[in-house]
Protein backbone atom coordinates (compact mmCIF):
# COMPACT_ATOMS: atom_id res chain seq x y z
CA UNK A 1 136.66 244.14 9.76
CA UNK A 2 135.27 242.17 12.79
CA UNK A 3 135.74 243.56 16.17
CA UNK A 4 137.02 240.25 17.46
CA UNK A 5 140.13 239.68 19.48
CA UNK A 6 142.23 236.82 18.37
CA UNK A 7 145.04 235.47 20.49
CA UNK A 8 147.92 233.67 19.04
CA UNK A 9 150.70 231.85 20.61
CA UNK A 10 152.56 228.61 21.13
CA UNK A 11 150.62 225.60 22.36
CA UNK A 12 150.36 225.91 26.16
CA UNK A 13 151.08 229.71 26.29
CA UNK A 14 147.62 230.56 27.89
CA UNK A 15 145.75 231.55 25.06
CA UNK A 16 142.62 229.67 26.18
CA UNK A 17 142.78 230.67 29.84
CA UNK A 18 143.43 234.44 28.90
CA UNK A 19 140.77 234.25 26.19
CA UNK A 20 138.12 232.96 28.56
CA UNK A 21 138.85 235.80 31.09
CA UNK A 22 138.88 238.38 28.32
CA UNK A 23 135.69 237.28 26.70
CA UNK A 24 133.95 237.31 30.12
CA UNK A 25 135.27 240.86 30.92
CA UNK A 26 134.35 242.30 27.45
CA UNK A 27 130.96 240.50 27.48
CA UNK A 28 132.04 238.57 24.28
CA UNK A 29 131.72 234.92 22.94
CA UNK A 30 134.96 232.81 23.39
CA UNK A 31 135.53 230.44 20.52
CA UNK A 32 138.30 227.78 20.08
CA UNK A 33 139.72 227.69 16.58
CA UNK A 34 140.51 223.88 17.33
CA UNK A 35 136.90 223.36 18.03
CA UNK A 36 135.86 225.13 14.75
CA UNK A 37 138.37 223.01 12.85
CA UNK A 38 137.21 219.79 14.25
CA UNK A 39 133.48 220.72 13.67
CA UNK A 40 134.50 221.77 10.01
CA UNK A 41 136.61 218.63 9.53
CA UNK A 42 134.38 216.13 11.26
CA UNK A 43 137.35 214.57 13.07
CA UNK A 44 139.85 215.05 15.91
CA UNK A 45 142.99 217.15 15.55
CA UNK A 46 145.11 213.94 16.11
CA UNK A 47 143.09 212.37 13.05
CA UNK A 48 143.74 215.42 11.09
CA UNK A 49 147.45 215.29 11.79
CA UNK A 50 147.52 211.58 10.95
CA UNK A 51 145.41 211.65 7.79
CA UNK A 52 146.22 214.93 6.38
CA UNK A 53 149.36 216.16 7.88
CA UNK A 54 150.42 219.17 9.92
CA UNK A 55 150.61 221.52 6.81
CA UNK A 56 146.98 220.82 6.08
CA UNK A 57 146.07 221.62 9.94
CA UNK A 58 148.05 224.93 9.68
CA UNK A 59 146.15 225.90 6.59
CA UNK A 60 142.84 225.07 8.56
CA UNK A 61 144.12 227.28 11.48
CA UNK A 62 144.91 230.09 9.05
CA UNK A 63 141.26 229.78 7.45
CA UNK A 64 139.66 230.17 10.86
CA UNK A 65 141.70 232.97 11.94
CA UNK A 66 140.86 234.76 8.64
CA UNK A 67 137.36 233.96 9.16
CA UNK A 68 137.18 235.28 12.71
CA UNK A 69 139.15 238.44 11.66
CA UNK A 70 136.16 239.41 9.61
CA UNK A 71 137.98 238.94 6.18
CA UNK A 72 135.42 239.21 3.21
CA UNK A 73 133.62 235.91 2.58
CA UNK A 74 134.63 235.92 -1.17
CA UNK A 75 138.17 235.97 -0.04
CA UNK A 76 137.95 232.91 2.32
CA UNK A 77 138.70 229.39 1.39
CA UNK A 78 135.80 226.85 0.97
CA UNK A 79 136.13 225.26 4.35
CA UNK A 80 135.72 228.77 6.03
CA UNK A 81 132.55 229.41 3.84
CA UNK A 82 131.13 226.05 5.03
CA UNK A 83 131.75 227.00 8.75
CA UNK A 84 130.09 230.27 8.36
CA UNK A 85 127.01 228.98 6.79
CA UNK A 86 126.30 226.36 9.35
CA UNK A 87 128.06 227.74 12.40
CA UNK A 88 126.96 226.35 15.72
CA UNK A 89 129.30 228.71 17.66
CA UNK A 90 128.69 232.25 16.52
CA UNK A 91 131.32 234.96 17.11
CA UNK A 92 129.42 238.03 18.21
CA UNK A 93 130.04 241.29 20.00
CA UNK A 94 126.90 240.71 22.00
CA UNK A 95 126.85 238.43 24.97
CA UNK A 96 123.88 236.52 23.74
CA UNK A 97 125.56 233.51 22.25
CA UNK A 98 124.28 230.14 21.83
CA UNK A 99 127.59 228.60 23.16
CA UNK A 100 128.12 230.13 26.64
CA UNK A 101 131.54 231.69 27.44
CA UNK A 102 133.62 228.93 29.28
CA UNK A 103 134.46 229.41 33.06
């Protein structure tokens, strides 16, 4: 199991704001699952909703949360494995990330 903190909640609840603050205080990387999804899919979230529907987007969200939770790779869906193998935004307990914590 990974040592990551995953915030969940409704849109606009403050997950990103709290996540940035928490990451900074813990010396951790801050990662947006929406950014992971758009990078994996190669299109924007509105495009995903239009082309594939909300159910598809929710499955992608679930995959990203499972990936960040540290679930074993063999239990992860294909999209998550693709992300893991070419990740431009590492999730790491160390503060030395290629993608800086947002301020």
